[in-house]
PDB file of N, CA and C in Angstrom:
ATOM      1  N   MET A   1      51.286  11.274  69.834  1.00  0.00           N
ATOM      2  CA  MET A   1      52.628  11.385  70.327  1.00  0.00           C
ATOM      3  C   MET A   1      53.302  12.309  70.058  1.00  0.00           C
ATOM      4  N   LEU A   2      52.813  13.250  68.526  1.00  0.00           N
ATOM      5  CA  LEU A   2      53.770  14.494  68.887  1.00  0.00           C
ATOM      6  C   LEU A   2      53.629  15.599  69.685  1.00  0.00           C
ATOM      7  N   LEU A   3      52.312  15.474  70.240  1.00  0.00           N
ATOM      8  CA  LEU A   3      52.041  16.533  71.467  1.00  0.00           C
ATOM      9  C   LEU A   3      52.629  15.941  72.711  1.00  0.00           C
ATOM     10  N   MET A   4      52.782  14.914  72.766  1.00  0.00           N
ATOM     11  CA  MET A   4      53.626  14.375  74.261  1.00  0.00           C
ATOM     12  C   MET A   4      54.953  14.692  74.047  1.00  0.00           C
ATOM     13  N   HIS A   5      55.795  14.472  72.723  1.00  0.00           N
ATOM     14  CA  HIS A   5      56.952  14.897  72.640  1.00  0.00           C
ATOM     15  C   HIS A   5      57.308  16.534  72.928  1.00  0.00           C
ATOM     16  N   LEU A   6      56.056  17.416  72.353  1.00  0.00           N
ATOM     17  CA  LEU A   6      56.193  18.609  72.514  1.00  0.00           C
ATOM     18  C   LEU A   6      56.096  19.076  73.924  1.00  0.00           C
ATOM     19  N   PHE A   7      55.281  18.834  74.537  1.00  0.00           N
ATOM     20  CA  PHE A   7      55.019  18.903  76.191  1.00  0.00           C
ATOM     21  C   PHE A   7      56.223  18.200  76.776  1.00  0.00           C
ATOM     22  N   ALA A   8      56.836  17.107  76.661  1.00  0.00           N
ATOM     23  CA  ALA A   8      57.896  16.642  77.241  1.00  0.00           C
ATOM     24  C   ALA A   8      59.204  17.538  77.143  1.00  0.00           C
ATOM     25  N   SER A   9      59.338  18.381  75.940  1.00  0.00           N
ATOM     26  CA  SER A   9      60.647  19.222  75.537  1.00  0.00           C
ATOM     27  C   SER A   9      60.022  20.574  76.136  1.00  0.00           C
ATOM     28  N   ILE A  10      58.980  20.811  76.677  1.00  0.00           N
ATOM     29  CA  ILE A  10      58.997  22.320  77.481  1.00  0.00           C
ATOM     30  C   ILE A  10      59.435  22.260  78.675  1.00  0.00           C
ATOM     31  N   ASP A  11      60.415  23.274  79.091  1.00  0.00           N
ATOM     32  CA  ASP A  11      61.233  23.523  80.224  1.00  0.00           C
ATOM     33  C   ASP A  11      60.575  24.461  80.996  1.00  0.00           C
ATOM     34  N   LEU A  12      59.926  23.615  82.191  1.00  0.00           N
ATOM     35  CA  LEU A  12      59.097  24.729  83.221  1.00  0.00           C
ATOM     36  C   LEU A  12      59.610  24.702  84.500  1.00  0.00           C
ATOM     37  N   THR A  13      61.345  24.583  84.237  1.00  0.00           N
ATOM     38  CA  THR A  13      62.214  24.624  85.444  1.00  0.00           C
ATOM     39  C   THR A  13      61.893  26.386  86.064  1.00  0.00           C
ATOM     40  N   HIS A  14      61.819  27.231  85.178  1.00  0.00           N
ATOM     41  CA  HIS A  14      61.834  28.740  85.684  1.00  0.00           C
ATOM     42  C   HIS A  14      60.506  28.929  86.469  1.00  0.00           C
ATOM     43  N   ILE A  15      59.545  28.245  86.344  1.00  0.00           N
ATOM     44  CA  ILE A  15      58.561  28.263  87.491  1.00  0.00           C
ATOM     45  C   ILE A  15      58.791  27.880  88.526  1.00  0.00           C
ATOM     46  N   SER A  16      58.809  28.690  89.813  1.00  0.00           N
ATOM     47  CA  SER A  16      59.059  28.290  90.898  1.00  0.00           C
ATOM     48  C   SER A  16      58.307  29.289  91.912  1.00  0.00           C
ATOM     49  N   LEU A  17      57.711  28.788  92.822  1.00  0.00           N
ATOM     50  CA  LEU A  17      57.173  29.506  93.962  1.00  0.00           C
ATOM     51  C   LEU A  17      57.775  29.319  95.340  1.00  0.00           C
ATOM     52  N   PRO A  18      59.018  29.637  95.962  1.00  0.00           N
ATOM     53  CA  PRO A  18      59.076  28.939  97.048  1.00  0.00           C
ATOM     54  C   PRO A  18      58.526  29.475  98.331  1.00  0.00           C
ATOM     55  N   ILE A  19      58.324  28.154  99.003  1.00  0.00           N
ATOM     56  CA  ILE A  19      56.725  28.240 100.156  1.00  0.00           C
ATOM     57  C   ILE A  19      57.694  29.195 101.273  1.00  0.00           C
ATOM     58  N   ALA A  20      58.849  29.021 101.662  1.00  0.00           N
ATOM     59  CA  ALA A  20      59.742  29.871 102.633  1.00  0.00           C
ATOM     60  C   ALA A  20      59.574  31.471 102.269  1.00  0.00           C
ATOM     61  N   ALA A  21      59.562  31.708 101.251  1.00  0.00           N
ATOM     62  CA  ALA A  21      59.283  33.254 100.594  1.00  0.00           C
ATOM     63  C   ALA A  21      57.754  33.504 100.905  1.00  0.00           C
ATOM     64  N   LEU A  22      57.076  32.733 100.643  1.00  0.00           N
ATOM     65  CA  LEU A  22      55.590  33.124 101.014  1.00  0.00           C
ATOM     66  C   LEU A  22      55.611  33.246 102.283  1.00  0.00           C
ATOM     67  N   MET A  23      56.137  32.239 103.054  1.00  0.00           N
ATOM     68  CA  MET A  23      55.993  32.527 104.798  1.00  0.00           C
ATOM     69  C   MET A  23      56.586  33.745 105.457  1.00  0.00           C
ATOM     70  N   ALA A  24      57.574  34.137 104.617  1.00  0.00           N
ATOM     71  CA  ALA A  24      58.381  35.397 105.131  1.00  0.00           C
ATOM     72  C   ALA A  24      57.716  36.486 104.914  1.00  0.00           C
ATOM     73  N   GLY A  25      57.450  37.517 105.409  1.00  0.00           N
ATOM     74  CA  GLY A  25      56.908  38.817 104.742  1.00  0.00           C
ATOM     75  C   GLY A  25      55.764  38.744 104.027  1.00  0.00           C
ATOM     76  N   ASP A  26      55.648  39.812 102.755  1.00  0.00           N
ATOM     77  CA  ASP A  26      54.619  40.108 102.187  1.00  0.00           C
ATOM     78  C   ASP A  26      54.836  39.103 101.018  1.00  0.00           C
ATOM     79  N   PRO A  27      53.843  38.181 100.642  1.00  0.00           N
ATOM     80  CA  PRO A  27      53.960  37.276  99.741  1.00  0.00           C
ATOM     81  C   PRO A  27      53.221  37.420  98.502  1.00  0.00           C
ATOM     82  N   LEU A  28      52.790  38.917  98.239  1.00  0.00           N
ATOM     83  CA  LEU A  28      51.844  39.252  96.948  1.00  0.00           C
ATOM     84  C   LEU A  28      53.103  39.185  96.000  1.00  0.00           C
ATOM     85  N   PRO A  29      54.224  40.071  96.108  1.00  0.00           N
ATOM     86  CA  PRO A  29      55.161  40.094  94.877  1.00  0.00           C
ATOM     87  C   PRO A  29      55.537  38.793  94.640  1.00  0.00           C
ATOM     88  N   GLN A  30      56.164  37.664  95.254  1.00  0.00           N
ATOM     89  CA  GLN A  30      56.191  36.359  94.860  1.00  0.00           C
ATOM     90  C   GLN A  30      54.689  35.484  94.174  1.00  0.00           C
ATOM     91  N   LEU A  31      53.808  35.898  94.793  1.00  0.00           N
ATOM     92  CA  LEU A  31      52.651  35.417  93.900  1.00  0.00           C
ATOM     93  C   LEU A  31      52.256  36.047  92.798  1.00  0.00           C
ATOM     94  N   ASN A  32      52.854  37.008  92.534  1.00  0.00           N
ATOM     95  CA  ASN A  32      52.369  37.411  91.391  1.00  0.00           C
ATOM     96  C   ASN A  32      53.354  37.347  90.480  1.00  0.00           C
ATOM     97  N   LYS A  33      54.715  37.416  90.669  1.00  0.00           N
ATOM     98  CA  LYS A  33      55.554  36.589  89.944  1.00  0.00           C
ATOM     99  C   LYS A  33      55.137  35.177  89.304  1.00  0.00           C
ATOM    100  N   PHE A  34      54.867  34.382  90.274  1.00  0.00           N
ATOM    101  CA  PHE A  34      54.258  33.216  89.884  1.00  0.00           C
ATOM    102  C   PHE A  34      53.033  33.133  88.859  1.00  0.00           C
ATOM    103  N   VAL A  35      52.087  34.071  89.314  1.00  0.00           N
ATOM    104  CA  VAL A  35      50.758  34.221  88.009  1.00  0.00           C
ATOM    105  C   VAL A  35      51.377  34.325  86.842  1.00  0.00           C
ATOM    106  N   GLN A  36      52.165  35.584  86.602  1.00  0.00           N
ATOM    107  CA  GLN A  36      52.728  35.771  85.482  1.00  0.00           C
ATOM    108  C   GLN A  36      53.684  34.908  84.638  1.00  0.00           C
ATOM    109  N   GLN A  37      54.449  33.995  85.436  1.00  0.00           N
ATOM    110  CA  GLN A  37      55.152  32.963  84.743  1.00  0.00           C
ATOM    111  C   GLN A  37      54.048  31.913  84.293  1.00  0.00           C
ATOM    112  N   ILE A  38      53.188  31.638  84.888  1.00  0.00           N
ATOM    113  CA  ILE A  38      52.096  30.783  84.157  1.00  0.00           C
ATOM    114  C   ILE A  38      51.191  31.066  83.152  1.00  0.00           C
ATOM    115  N   GLU A  39      51.004  32.705  83.203  1.00  0.00           N
ATOM    116  CA  GLU A  39      50.295  33.033  82.224  1.00  0.00           C
ATOM    117  C   GLU A  39      51.454  33.245  80.897  1.00  0.00           C
ATOM    118  N   THR A  40      52.396  33.450  81.199  1.00  0.00           N
ATOM    119  CA  THR A  40      53.202  33.266  79.994  1.00  0.00           C
ATOM    120  C   THR A  40      53.702  32.253  79.197  1.00  0.00           C
ATOM    121  N   THR A  41      53.661  31.103  80.489  1.00  0.00           N
ATOM    122  CA  THR A  41      53.850  29.717  79.919  1.00  0.00           C
ATOM    123  C   THR A  41      52.428  29.301  78.893  1.00  0.00           C
ATOM    124  N   VAL A  42      51.176  29.292  79.322  1.00  0.00           N
ATOM    125  CA  VAL A  42      49.841  29.363  79.144  1.00  0.00           C
ATOM    126  C   VAL A  42      49.805  29.988  77.434  1.00  0.00           C
ATOM    127  N   ARG A  43      50.574  30.980  77.351  1.00  0.00           N
ATOM    128  CA  ARG A  43      50.408  31.892  76.020  1.00  0.00           C
ATOM    129  C   ARG A  43      51.444  31.395  74.971  1.00  0.00           C
ATOM    130  N   ILE A  44      52.428  30.863  75.652  1.00  0.00           N
ATOM    131  CA  ILE A  44      53.081  29.915  74.516  1.00  0.00           C
ATOM    132  C   ILE A  44      52.835  28.659  73.993  1.00  0.00           C
ATOM    133  N   VAL A  45      52.179  27.979  75.129  1.00  0.00           N
ATOM    134  CA  VAL A  45      51.706  26.426  74.698  1.00  0.00           C
ATOM    135  C   VAL A  45      50.628  27.059  73.706  1.00  0.00           C
ATOM    136  N   GLY A  46      49.627  27.953  74.111  1.00  0.00           N
ATOM    137  CA  GLY A  46      48.584  28.450  73.154  1.00  0.00           C
ATOM    138  C   GLY A  46      48.896  28.849  71.888  1.00  0.00           C
ATOM    139  N   GLY A  47      50.070  29.819  71.649  1.00  0.00           N
ATOM    140  CA  GLY A  47      50.428  30.279  70.785  1.00  0.00           C
ATOM    141  C   GLY A  47      51.084  28.978  69.550  1.00  0.00           C
ATOM    142  N   THR A  48      51.786  27.939  70.197  1.00  0.00           N
ATOM    143  CA  THR A  48      52.073  26.839  69.667  1.00  0.00           C
ATOM    144  C   THR A  48      51.399  25.804  69.008  1.00  0.00           C
ATOM    145  N   VAL A  49      50.023  25.890  69.899  1.00  0.00           N
ATOM    146  CA  VAL A  49      49.144  25.060  69.213  1.00  0.00           C
ATOM    147  C   VAL A  49      48.173  25.486  68.482  1.00  0.00           C
ATOM    148  N   PHE A  50      48.100  26.897  68.420  1.00  0.00           N
ATOM    149  CA  PHE A  50      47.259  27.589  67.145  1.00  0.00           C
ATOM    150  C   PHE A  50      48.242  27.528  65.722  1.00  0.00           C
ATOM    151  N   LEU A  51      49.713  27.574  65.989  1.00  0.00           N
ATOM    152  CA  LEU A  51      50.456  27.436  64.615  1.00  0.00           C
ATOM    153  C   LEU A  51      50.271  26.082  64.206  1.00  0.00           C
ATOM    154  N   ILE A  52      50.119  25.345  65.339  1.00  0.00           N
ATOM    155  CA  ILE A  52      50.363  23.530  64.957  1.00  0.00           C
ATOM    156  C   ILE A  52      48.899  23.474  64.121  1.00  0.00           C
ATOM    157  N   ALA A  53      47.771  23.929  64.525  1.00  0.00           N
ATOM    158  CA  ALA A  53      46.476  23.948  63.923  1.00  0.00           C
ATOM    159  C   ALA A  53      46.215  24.345  62.559  1.00  0.00           C
ATOM    160  N   VAL A  54      46.883  25.669  62.753  1.00  0.00           N
ATOM    161  CA  VAL A  54      46.688  26.315  61.048  1.00  0.00           C
ATOM    162  C   VAL A  54      47.424  25.763  60.020  1.00  0.00           C
ATOM    163  N   ALA A  55      48.682  24.858  60.686  1.00  0.00           N
ATOM    164  CA  ALA A  55      49.377  23.962  59.793  1.00  0.00           C
ATOM    165  C   ALA A  55      48.850  22.558  59.304  1.00  0.00           C
ATOM    166  N   VAL A  56      47.905  22.217  60.133  1.00  0.00           N
ATOM    167  CA  VAL A  56      47.245  21.036  59.968  1.00  0.00           C
ATOM    168  C   VAL A  56      46.209  21.419  58.708  1.00  0.00           C
ATOM    169  N   ALA A  57      45.481  22.458  59.082  1.00  0.00           N
ATOM    170  CA  ALA A  57      44.201  22.765  58.328  1.00  0.00           C
ATOM    171  C   ALA A  57      44.879  23.302  57.223  1.00  0.00           C
ATOM    172  N   GLY A  58      46.002  23.672  56.857  1.00  0.00           N
ATOM    173  CA  GLY A  58      46.484  24.341  55.430  1.00  0.00           C
ATOM    174  C   GLY A  58      46.844  23.169  54.844  1.00  0.00           C
ATOM    175  N   ILE A  59      47.497  21.685  55.410  1.00  0.00           N
ATOM    176  CA  ILE A  59      47.635  20.781  54.753  1.00  0.00           C
ATOM    177  C   ILE A  59      46.808  19.917  54.348  1.00  0.00           C
ATOM    178  N   MET A  60      45.520  19.911  55.243  1.00  0.00           N
ATOM    179  CA  MET A  60      44.236  19.392  55.019  1.00  0.00           C
ATOM    180  C   MET A  60      43.217  19.801  53.480  1.00  0.00           C
ATOM    181  N   ARG A  61      43.778  21.440  54.013  1.00  0.00           N
ATOM    182  CA  ARG A  61      43.194  21.996  52.222  1.00  0.00           C
ATOM    183  C   ARG A  61      44.009  21.614  51.249  1.00  0.00           C
ATOM    184  N   MET A  62      45.473  21.118  51.083  1.00  0.00           N
ATOM    185  CA  MET A  62      46.461  21.111  50.134  1.00  0.00           C
ATOM    186  C   MET A  62      46.134  19.582  49.549  1.00  0.00           C
ATOM    187  N   VAL A  63      45.580  18.536  50.567  1.00  0.00           N
ATOM    188  CA  VAL A  63      45.291  17.310  50.114  1.00  0.00           C
ATOM    189  C   VAL A  63      43.960  16.771  49.857  1.00  0.00           C
ATOM    190  N   ALA A  64      43.064  17.993  49.860  1.00  0.00           N
ATOM    191  CA  ALA A  64      41.725  17.663  49.820  1.00  0.00           C
ATOM    192  C   ALA A  64      41.243  17.381  47.955  1.00  0.00           C
ATOM    193  N   PHE A  65      42.326  18.000  47.511  1.00  0.00           N
ATOM    194  CA  PHE A  65      41.622  17.412  45.914  1.00  0.00           C
ATOM    195  C   PHE A  65      40.751  17.823  45.399  1.00  0.00           C
ATOM    196  N   GLY A  66      39.988  18.968  46.126  1.00  0.00           N
ATOM    197  CA  GLY A  66      38.811  19.557  45.333  1.00  0.00           C
ATOM    198  C   GLY A  66      37.523  18.810  45.880  1.00  0.00           C
ATOM    199  N   ASN A  67      37.949  17.545  46.989  1.00  0.00           N
ATOM    200  CA  ASN A  67      36.745  16.831  47.317  1.00  0.00           C
ATOM    201  C   ASN A  67      35.917  18.061  48.325  1.00  0.00           C
ATOM    202  N   GLU A  68      34.945  18.488  48.165  1.00  0.00           N
ATOM    203  CA  GLU A  68      33.847  19.779  49.022  1.00  0.00           C
ATOM    204  C   GLU A  68      33.983  18.827  50.445  1.00  0.00           C
ATOM    205  N   ARG A  69      33.851  18.213  50.855  1.00  0.00           N
ATOM    206  CA  ARG A  69      33.648  17.739  51.983  1.00  0.00           C
ATOM    207  C   ARG A  69      34.772  17.742  53.084  1.00  0.00           C
ATOM    208  N   ARG A  70      36.152  17.477  52.359  1.00  0.00           N
ATOM    209  CA  ARG A  70      37.337  17.848  53.027  1.00  0.00           C
ATOM    210  C   ARG A  70      37.835  19.430  53.172  1.00  0.00           C
ATOM    211  N   VAL A  71      37.405  19.945  52.069  1.00  0.00           N
ATOM    212  CA  VAL A  71      37.572  21.420  52.067  1.00  0.00           C
ATOM    213  C   VAL A  71      36.926  22.094  53.301  1.00  0.00           C
ATOM    214  N   ALA A  72      35.401  21.537  53.444  1.00  0.00           N
ATOM    215  CA  ALA A  72      34.748  22.259  54.283  1.00  0.00           C
ATOM    216  C   ALA A  72      35.213  21.649  55.595  1.00  0.00           C
ATOM    217  N   LEU A  73      35.810  20.499  55.915  1.00  0.00           N
ATOM    218  CA  LEU A  73      36.620  20.264  57.183  1.00  0.00           C
ATOM    219  C   LEU A  73      37.711  20.960  57.169  1.00  0.00           C
ATOM    220  N   SER A  74      38.677  21.384  56.297  1.00  0.00           N
ATOM    221  CA  SER A  74      39.876  22.084  56.726  1.00  0.00           C
ATOM    222  C   SER A  74      39.260  23.593  57.250  1.00  0.00           C
ATOM    223  N   ASN A  75      38.150  23.812  56.362  1.00  0.00           N
ATOM    224  CA  ASN A  75      37.641  25.326  56.852  1.00  0.00           C
ATOM    225  C   ASN A  75      37.281  25.327  58.024  1.00  0.00           C
ATOM    226  N   MET A  76      36.489  24.352  58.576  1.00  0.00           N
ATOM    227  CA  MET A  76      36.043  24.196  60.281  1.00  0.00           C
ATOM    228  C   MET A  76      37.556  24.277  61.085  1.00  0.00           C
ATOM    229  N   ALA A  77      38.420  23.245  60.462  1.00  0.00           N
ATOM    230  CA  ALA A  77      39.613  23.289  61.606  1.00  0.00           C
ATOM    231  C   ALA A  77      40.331  24.776  61.430  1.00  0.00           C
ATOM    232  N   LEU A  78      40.477  25.424  60.454  1.00  0.00           N
ATOM    233  CA  LEU A  78      41.049  26.782  60.634  1.00  0.00           C
ATOM    234  C   LEU A  78      40.111  27.691  61.565  1.00  0.00           C
ATOM    235  N   THR A  79      39.039  27.504  61.191  1.00  0.00           N
ATOM    236  CA  THR A  79      37.783  28.317  61.714  1.00  0.00           C
ATOM    237  C   THR A  79      37.996  28.450  63.449  1.00  0.00           C
ATOM    238  N   ALA A  80      38.139  26.948  63.850  1.00  0.00           N
ATOM    239  CA  ALA A  80      38.374  26.733  65.299  1.00  0.00           C
ATOM    240  C   ALA A  80      39.612  27.109  65.746  1.00  0.00           C
ATOM    241  N   ALA A  81      40.689  27.119  64.911  1.00  0.00           N
ATOM    242  CA  ALA A  81      42.285  27.528  65.593  1.00  0.00           C
ATOM    243  C   ALA A  81      42.147  28.897  65.434  1.00  0.00           C
ATOM    244  N   VAL A  82      41.538  29.867  64.603  1.00  0.00           N
ATOM    245  CA  VAL A  82      41.429  31.487  64.520  1.00  0.00           C
ATOM    246  C   VAL A  82      40.352  31.820  66.139  1.00  0.00           C
ATOM    247  N   VAL A  83      39.150  31.092  66.269  1.00  0.00           N
ATOM    248  CA  VAL A  83      38.548  31.360  67.490  1.00  0.00           C
ATOM    249  C   VAL A  83      39.270  30.902  68.606  1.00  0.00           C
ATOM    250  N   GLY A  84      39.959  30.008  68.726  1.00  0.00           N
ATOM    251  CA  GLY A  84      40.943  30.049  69.726  1.00  0.00           C
ATOM    252  C   GLY A  84      41.797  30.541  69.915  1.00  0.00           C
ATOM    253  N   LEU A  85      42.566  31.244  69.463  1.00  0.00           N
ATOM    254  CA  LEU A  85      43.686  32.545  68.859  1.00  0.00           C
ATOM    255  C   LEU A  85      42.788  33.693  69.884  1.00  0.00           C
ATOM    256  N   ILE A  86      41.678  33.944  69.152  1.00  0.00           N
ATOM    257  CA  ILE A  86      40.896  35.040  69.702  1.00  0.00           C
ATOM    258  C   ILE A  86      40.440  35.084  70.957  1.00  0.00           C
ATOM    259  N   ILE A  87      40.194  33.964  71.633  1.00  0.00           N
ATOM    260  CA  ILE A  87      39.559  33.633  73.015  1.00  0.00           C
ATOM    261  C   ILE A  87      40.956  33.583  73.665  1.00  0.00           C
ATOM    262  N   MET A  88      42.007  33.479  73.276  1.00  0.00           N
ATOM    263  CA  MET A  88      43.264  33.376  74.151  1.00  0.00           C
ATOM    264  C   MET A  88      43.687  34.955  73.887  1.00  0.00           C
ATOM    265  N   LEU A  89      43.650  35.870  73.366  1.00  0.00           N
ATOM    266  CA  LEU A  89      43.956  37.178  73.172  1.00  0.00           C
ATOM    267  C   LEU A  89      43.069  37.870  74.193  1.00  0.00           C
ATOM    268  N   MET A  90      41.617  37.393  73.942  1.00  0.00           N
ATOM    269  CA  MET A  90      40.768  38.385  74.780  1.00  0.00           C
ATOM    270  C   MET A  90      41.001  37.998  76.206  1.00  0.00           C
ATOM    271  N   ALA A  91      41.351  36.918  76.408  1.00  0.00           N
ATOM    272  CA  ALA A  91      41.793  36.418  77.877  1.00  0.00           C
ATOM    273  C   ALA A  91      42.804  37.042  78.590  1.00  0.00           C
ATOM    274  N   THR A  92      44.126  37.192  77.356  1.00  0.00           N
ATOM    275  CA  THR A  92      45.132  37.955  77.739  1.00  0.00           C
ATOM    276  C   THR A  92      44.912  39.493  77.993  1.00  0.00           C
ATOM    277  N   ALA A  93      44.004  39.969  77.270  1.00  0.00           N
ATOM    278  CA  ALA A  93      43.730  41.694  77.584  1.00  0.00           C
ATOM    279  C   ALA A  93      42.612  41.473  78.974  1.00  0.00           C
ATOM    280  N   LEU A  94      41.819  40.653  79.230  1.00  0.00           N
ATOM    281  CA  LEU A  94      40.917  40.633  80.331  1.00  0.00           C
ATOM    282  C   LEU A  94      41.813  40.691  81.600  1.00  0.00           C
ATOM    283  N   SER A  95      43.003  39.882  81.427  1.00  0.00           N
ATOM    284  CA  SER A  95      43.922  39.462  82.869  1.00  0.00           C
ATOM    285  C   SER A  95      44.656  40.804  82.709  1.00  0.00           C
ATOM    286  N   GLN A  96      45.084  41.466  81.762  1.00  0.00           N
ATOM    287  CA  GLN A  96      45.920  42.821  81.824  1.00  0.00           C
ATOM    288  C   GLN A  96      45.092  43.951  82.717  1.00  0.00           C
ATOM    289  N   PHE A  97      44.018  43.813  82.067  1.00  0.00           N
ATOM    290  CA  PHE A  97      42.712  44.974  82.307  1.00  0.00           C
ATOM    291  C   PHE A  97      42.541  44.759  83.861  1.00  0.00           C
ATOM    292  N   ILE A  98      42.339  43.526  84.180  1.00  0.00           N
ATOM    293  CA  ILE A  98      42.157  43.601  85.709  1.00  0.00           C
ATOM    294  C   ILE A  98      43.496  43.256  86.668  1.00  0.00           C
ATOM    295  N   GLY A  99      44.774  43.224  86.155  1.00  0.00           N
ATOM    296  CA  GLY A  99      45.650  43.518  86.967  1.00  0.00           C
ATOM    297  C   GLY A  99      45.840  44.819  86.896  1.00  0.00           C
ATOM    298  N   LYS A 100      45.770  45.640  86.027  1.00  0.00           N
ATOM    299  CA  LYS A 100      46.009  47.125  86.222  1.00  0.00           C
ATOM    300  C   LYS A 100      44.922  47.629  87.164  1.00  0.00           C
ATOM    301  N   ALA A 101      43.682  47.150  87.226  1.00  0.00           N
ATOM    302  CA  ALA A 101      42.896  47.829  87.840  1.00  0.00           C
ATOM    303  C   ALA A 101      42.895  47.297  89.577  1.00  0.00           C
ATOM    304  N   PHE A 102      43.713  46.420  89.653  1.00  0.00           N
ATOM    305  CA  PHE A 102      44.023  46.152  91.144  1.00  0.00           C
ATOM    306  C   PHE A 102      45.298  46.377  91.407  1.00  0.00           C
TER     307      PHE A 102
END
């Protein structure tokens, strides 16, 4: 429910790709701008999901009360959040590298 509210509150109206602009002249600048807007939106959503996951893992750790199974579960949640962030950062670096190469 919280995620549905979060996704509903994201404003995607700034993302636009006018078809008429693509048909007239060189479509590469408009396409490049569109891809950059999508990439920025994905980074924002990924960062938000990372922060929520770290907060949930922290709350899980706080309410574990020394139960080893719950502590291990919170460790796994935190590890998954960090791995997701690393994957997102590596994808960003790869995207920038490819963008500069071409």
